Amino acid sequence: MASSKWPAVVEADLPHGYAVTSSGRVSGVHEAGDVFKEAPFRDDERLTMDNVLTEATRATKVRFNVYIGDLGADPAAGADALFPTTPEAARSVLIAVSPNEKAIEVRSGRDVADRANDRVCQLGVTAALSSIRQGQLIDGLVSAVRVMAAAIGR
C-alpha cells in the first residue's frame, strides 16, 4: 500500500484556478493581486505542464518548480528572493519567467547543485528561448524542463 507524508487535499477547498490532477499534484494558476475571471492558461496547457513537472521530478529525484510572473526591475534579484520560498528549495530547480521583462532565470538548490549546475541551467534557458520568442510560453517551459531533466539524469 502506498503512503504519503503529505496531508490529503480536498479539491473543494482549493482556491479558484487550482485543481488536483490525476497524478495527485495540485496544479494552480493565479495572478498577483485579485482573483482572476479566467485562468491565463488553457486546461490542456496546465495538464501538459503538470505532467512534465511530475515526470521530470520522478525521473531525477529533483523537484522542478515553475514561476511565471513579475520578478521586478532586476529579474536575477527577484529570482534569488523567490527561490527560498519555493517547495523543497534545497533539492529543487526553479525556472522563473518574468514576461514583462522578457527574462528567464533558473536557480538550483544546494542539495542538487552538483547535478543541476550552471551548464544544465543554461541548457534549460536555451531550450526555452525559441518557443518563448514565438509566444509559446508553455511549450518553452516544457522544453526547458525536459532538457534539464535529461541532462541531470537519475
C-alpha atoms as a PDB file:
ATOM      1  CA  MET A   1       0.000   0.000   0.000  1.00  0.00           C
ATOM      2  CA  ALA A   2       1.301   3.443  -0.910  1.00  0.00           C
ATOM      3  CA  SER A   3       1.513   6.149   1.689  1.00  0.00           C
ATOM      4  CA  SER A   4       2.467   9.776   1.748  1.00  0.00           C
ATOM      5  CA  LYS A   5       3.717  12.296   4.263  1.00  0.00           C
ATOM      6  CA  TRP A   6       1.578  14.969   2.614  1.00  0.00           C
ATOM      7  CA  PRO A   7      -1.850  15.808   4.013  1.00  0.00           C
ATOM      8  CA  ALA A   8      -4.837  14.937   1.840  1.00  0.00           C
ATOM      9  CA  VAL A   9      -6.065  17.797  -0.297  1.00  0.00           C
ATOM     10  CA  VAL A  10      -9.768  18.477  -0.578  1.00  0.00           C
ATOM     11  CA  GLU A  11     -10.342  19.821  -4.075  1.00  0.00           C
ATOM     12  CA  ALA A  12     -13.412  21.786  -2.996  1.00  0.00           C
ATOM     13  CA  ASP A  13     -11.238  23.758  -0.541  1.00  0.00           C
ATOM     14  CA  LEU A  14      -8.751  24.864  -3.211  1.00  0.00           C
ATOM     15  CA  PRO A  15      -8.872  28.460  -4.478  1.00  0.00           C
ATOM     16  CA  HIS A  16     -10.211  29.400  -7.922  1.00  0.00           C
ATOM     17  CA  GLY A  17      -7.828  28.253 -10.670  1.00  0.00           C
ATOM     18  CA  TYR A  18      -6.489  25.262  -8.726  1.00  0.00           C
ATOM     19  CA  ALA A  19      -7.173  21.552  -9.241  1.00  0.00           C
ATOM     20  CA  VAL A  20      -5.900  18.176  -8.109  1.00  0.00           C
ATOM     21  CA  THR A  21      -4.568  16.388 -11.190  1.00  0.00           C
ATOM     22  CA  SER A  22      -4.783  12.675 -11.898  1.00  0.00           C
ATOM     23  CA  SER A  23      -1.224  12.316 -10.564  1.00  0.00           C
ATOM     24  CA  GLY A  24      -2.324  13.783  -7.229  1.00  0.00           C
ATOM     25  CA  ARG A  25      -0.369  17.000  -7.742  1.00  0.00           C
ATOM     26  CA  VAL A  26      -2.066  20.322  -7.017  1.00  0.00           C
ATOM     27  CA  SER A  27      -1.897  22.478 -10.125  1.00  0.00           C
ATOM     28  CA  GLY A  28      -2.881  26.095  -9.976  1.00  0.00           C
ATOM     29  CA  VAL A  29      -2.575  29.490 -11.514  1.00  0.00           C
ATOM     30  CA  HIS A  30      -3.214  32.906 -10.105  1.00  0.00           C
ATOM     31  CA  GLU A  31      -2.432  36.490 -10.812  1.00  0.00           C
ATOM     32  CA  ALA A  32      -0.900  38.772  -8.246  1.00  0.00           C
ATOM     33  CA  GLY A  33      -3.483  40.954  -6.601  1.00  0.00           C
ATOM     34  CA  ASP A  34      -7.088  39.938  -7.039  1.00  0.00           C
ATOM     35  CA  VAL A  35      -8.811  36.775  -8.154  1.00  0.00           C
ATOM     36  CA  PHE A  36      -8.929  36.493 -11.938  1.00  0.00           C
ATOM     37  CA  LYS A  37     -12.036  35.903 -14.029  1.00  0.00           C
ATOM     38  CA  GLU A  38     -10.354  33.454 -16.425  1.00  0.00           C
ATOM     39  CA  ALA A  39      -7.281  31.280 -15.959  1.00  0.00           C
ATOM     40  CA  PRO A  40      -4.311  32.550 -18.002  1.00  0.00           C
ATOM     41  CA  PHE A  41      -3.639  29.089 -19.491  1.00  0.00           C
ATOM     42  CA  ARG A  42      -5.875  26.526 -21.117  1.00  0.00           C
ATOM     43  CA  ASP A  43      -6.589  23.287 -19.265  1.00  0.00           C
ATOM     44  CA  ASP A  44      -4.519  21.250 -21.738  1.00  0.00           C
ATOM     45  CA  GLU A  45      -1.544  23.578 -21.238  1.00  0.00           C
ATOM     46  CA  ARG A  46      -1.759  23.267 -17.467  1.00  0.00           C
ATOM     47  CA  LEU A  47      -2.121  19.496 -17.712  1.00  0.00           C
ATOM     48  CA  THR A  48       0.886  19.246 -20.044  1.00  0.00           C
ATOM     49  CA  MET A  49       2.998  21.374 -17.702  1.00  0.00           C
ATOM     50  CA  ASP A  50       1.897  19.338 -14.695  1.00  0.00           C
ATOM     51  CA  ASN A  51       2.720  16.053 -16.411  1.00  0.00           C
ATOM     52  CA  VAL A  52       6.162  17.247 -17.482  1.00  0.00           C
ATOM     53  CA  LEU A  53       6.971  18.512 -13.974  1.00  0.00           C
ATOM     54  CA  THR A  54       5.828  15.224 -12.449  1.00  0.00           C
ATOM     55  CA  GLU A  55       7.786  13.109 -14.949  1.00  0.00           C
ATOM     56  CA  ALA A  56      10.964  15.169 -14.507  1.00  0.00           C
ATOM     57  CA  THR A  57      10.744  15.063 -10.721  1.00  0.00           C
ATOM     58  CA  ARG A  58      10.186  11.310 -10.692  1.00  0.00           C
ATOM     59  CA  ALA A  59      12.975  10.636 -13.187  1.00  0.00           C
ATOM     60  CA  THR A  60      15.616  12.785 -11.492  1.00  0.00           C
ATOM     61  CA  LYS A  61      14.512  12.916  -7.834  1.00  0.00           C
ATOM     62  CA  VAL A  62      14.941  16.698  -8.178  1.00  0.00           C
ATOM     63  CA  ARG A  63      11.821  18.802  -7.632  1.00  0.00           C
ATOM     64  CA  PHE A  64      11.068  21.118 -10.540  1.00  0.00           C
ATOM     65  CA  ASN A  65       9.179  24.359  -9.851  1.00  0.00           C
ATOM     66  CA  VAL A  66       7.981  26.927 -12.381  1.00  0.00           C
ATOM     67  CA  TYR A  67       7.122  30.544 -11.637  1.00  0.00           C
ATOM     68  CA  ILE A  68       5.558  32.875 -14.190  1.00  0.00           C
ATOM     69  CA  GLY A  69       5.164  36.444 -13.043  1.00  0.00           C
ATOM     70  CA  ASP A  70       6.809  39.720 -12.242  1.00  0.00           C
ATOM     71  CA  LEU A  71      10.342  39.391 -10.878  1.00  0.00           C
ATOM     72  CA  GLY A  72      10.822  43.144 -10.552  1.00  0.00           C
ATOM     73  CA  ALA A  73      13.216  45.558 -12.231  1.00  0.00           C
ATOM     74  CA  ASP A  74      16.129  43.191 -11.549  1.00  0.00           C
ATOM     75  CA  PRO A  75      14.883  39.707 -12.537  1.00  0.00           C
ATOM     76  CA  ALA A  76      18.012  37.990 -11.165  1.00  0.00           C
ATOM     77  CA  ALA A  77      17.488  39.540  -7.736  1.00  0.00           C
ATOM     78  CA  GLY A  78      13.780  38.726  -7.927  1.00  0.00           C
ATOM     79  CA  ALA A  79      14.542  35.057  -8.666  1.00  0.00           C
ATOM     80  CA  ASP A  80      17.091  34.990  -5.833  1.00  0.00           C
ATOM     81  CA  ALA A  81      14.460  36.317  -3.413  1.00  0.00           C
ATOM     82  CA  LEU A  82      11.750  33.966  -4.693  1.00  0.00           C
ATOM     83  CA  PHE A  83      13.767  30.745  -4.750  1.00  0.00           C
ATOM     84  CA  PRO A  84      13.998  30.108  -0.962  1.00  0.00           C
ATOM     85  CA  THR A  85      10.190  30.338  -0.717  1.00  0.00           C
ATOM     86  CA  THR A  86       9.579  27.537  -3.248  1.00  0.00           C
ATOM     87  CA  PRO A  87       8.713  23.993  -2.148  1.00  0.00           C
ATOM     88  CA  GLU A  88      11.739  21.891  -1.181  1.00  0.00           C
ATOM     89  CA  ALA A  89      14.129  24.656  -2.296  1.00  0.00           C
ATOM     90  CA  ALA A  90      17.280  22.815  -1.189  1.00  0.00           C
ATOM     91  CA  ARG A  91      16.579  19.897  -3.527  1.00  0.00           C
ATOM     92  CA  SER A  92      14.819  21.688  -6.333  1.00  0.00           C
ATOM     93  CA  VAL A  93      15.194  23.684  -9.513  1.00  0.00           C
ATOM     94  CA  LEU A  94      13.232  26.873 -10.131  1.00  0.00           C
ATOM     95  CA  ILE A  95      12.548  28.130 -13.641  1.00  0.00           C
ATOM     96  CA  ALA A  96      11.266  31.690 -13.262  1.00  0.00           C
ATOM     97  CA  VAL A  97       9.916  33.661 -16.201  1.00  0.00           C
ATOM     98  CA  SER A  98       9.189  37.365 -16.000  1.00  0.00           C
ATOM     99  CA  PRO A  99       7.199  38.010 -19.198  1.00  0.00           C
ATOM    100  CA  ASN A 100       7.160  41.812 -18.905  1.00  0.00           C
ATOM    101  CA  GLU A 101      10.945  41.957 -18.568  1.00  0.00           C
ATOM    102  CA  LYS A 102      11.373  39.136 -21.129  1.00  0.00           C
ATOM    103  CA  ALA A 103      13.649  37.371 -18.659  1.00  0.00           C
ATOM    104  CA  ILE A 104      14.212  33.730 -17.712  1.00  0.00           C
ATOM    105  CA  GLU A 105      16.077  32.862 -14.531  1.00  0.00           C
ATOM    106  CA  VAL A 106      16.961  29.374 -13.315  1.00  0.00           C
ATOM    107  CA  ARG A 107      18.085  28.528  -9.785  1.00  0.00           C
ATOM    108  CA  SER A 108      19.062  25.210  -8.213  1.00  0.00           C
ATOM    109  CA  GLY A 109      19.154  24.229  -4.561  1.00  0.00           C
ATOM    110  CA  ARG A 110      22.271  23.422  -2.577  1.00  0.00           C
ATOM    111  CA  ASP A 111      21.472  19.699  -2.312  1.00  0.00           C
ATOM    112  CA  VAL A 112      21.296  19.292  -6.107  1.00  0.00           C
ATOM    113  CA  ALA A 113      23.763  21.962  -7.234  1.00  0.00           C
ATOM    114  CA  ASP A 114      26.288  19.361  -8.391  1.00  0.00           C
ATOM    115  CA  ARG A 115      23.688  17.796 -10.724  1.00  0.00           C
ATOM    116  CA  ALA A 116      21.717  20.922 -11.672  1.00  0.00           C
ATOM    117  CA  ASN A 117      24.820  23.017 -12.268  1.00  0.00           C
ATOM    118  CA  ASP A 118      25.259  26.203 -14.316  1.00  0.00           C
ATOM    119  CA  ARG A 119      25.672  24.249 -17.558  1.00  0.00           C
ATOM    120  CA  VAL A 120      22.402  22.366 -17.025  1.00  0.00           C
ATOM    121  CA  CYS A 121      20.580  25.575 -16.083  1.00  0.00           C
ATOM    122  CA  GLN A 122      21.876  27.286 -19.227  1.00  0.00           C
ATOM    123  CA  LEU A 123      20.683  24.322 -21.315  1.00  0.00           C
ATOM    124  CA  GLY A 124      17.211  24.855 -19.882  1.00  0.00           C
ATOM    125  CA  VAL A 125      17.203  28.554 -20.723  1.00  0.00           C
ATOM    126  CA  THR A 126      18.441  27.879 -24.262  1.00  0.00           C
ATOM    127  CA  ALA A 127      15.771  25.200 -24.783  1.00  0.00           C
ATOM    128  CA  ALA A 128      13.020  27.585 -23.686  1.00  0.00           C
ATOM    129  CA  LEU A 129      14.017  30.679 -25.652  1.00  0.00           C
ATOM    130  CA  SER A 130      12.957  29.686 -29.155  1.00  0.00           C
ATOM    131  CA  SER A 131       9.384  28.788 -28.208  1.00  0.00           C
ATOM    132  CA  ILE A 132       9.008  31.704 -25.813  1.00  0.00           C
ATOM    133  CA  ARG A 133      10.149  34.148 -28.510  1.00  0.00           C
ATOM    134  CA  GLN A 134       7.370  32.754 -30.712  1.00  0.00           C
ATOM    135  CA  GLY A 135       4.813  33.389 -27.967  1.00  0.00           C
ATOM    136  CA  GLN A 136       4.593  29.753 -26.855  1.00  0.00           C
ATOM    137  CA  LEU A 137       5.376  30.108 -23.147  1.00  0.00           C
ATOM    138  CA  ILE A 138       4.196  26.658 -22.026  1.00  0.00           C
ATOM    139  CA  ASP A 139       5.997  24.926 -24.918  1.00  0.00           C
ATOM    140  CA  GLY A 140       9.192  26.740 -23.942  1.00  0.00           C
ATOM    141  CA  LEU A 141       8.865  25.736 -20.303  1.00  0.00           C
ATOM    142  CA  VAL A 142       8.121  22.125 -21.253  1.00  0.00           C
ATOM    143  CA  SER A 143      11.260  22.091 -23.410  1.00  0.00           C
ATOM    144  CA  ALA A 144      13.340  23.586 -20.608  1.00  0.00           C
ATOM    145  CA  VAL A 145      12.183  21.030 -18.041  1.00  0.00           C
ATOM    146  CA  ARG A 146      12.681  18.086 -20.392  1.00  0.00           C
ATOM    147  CA  VAL A 147      16.170  19.158 -21.456  1.00  0.00           C
ATOM    148  CA  MET A 148      17.244  19.828 -17.877  1.00  0.00           C
ATOM    149  CA  ALA A 149      15.829  16.521 -16.642  1.00  0.00           C
ATOM    150  CA  ALA A 150      17.673  14.653 -19.406  1.00  0.00           C
ATOM    151  CA  ALA A 151      20.921  16.427 -18.530  1.00  0.00           C
ATOM    152  CA  ILE A 152      20.509  15.844 -14.789  1.00  0.00           C
ATOM    153  CA  GLY A 153      19.646  12.170 -15.131  1.00  0.00           C
ATOM    154  CA  ARG A 154      18.966   9.998 -12.104  1.00  0.00           C
END
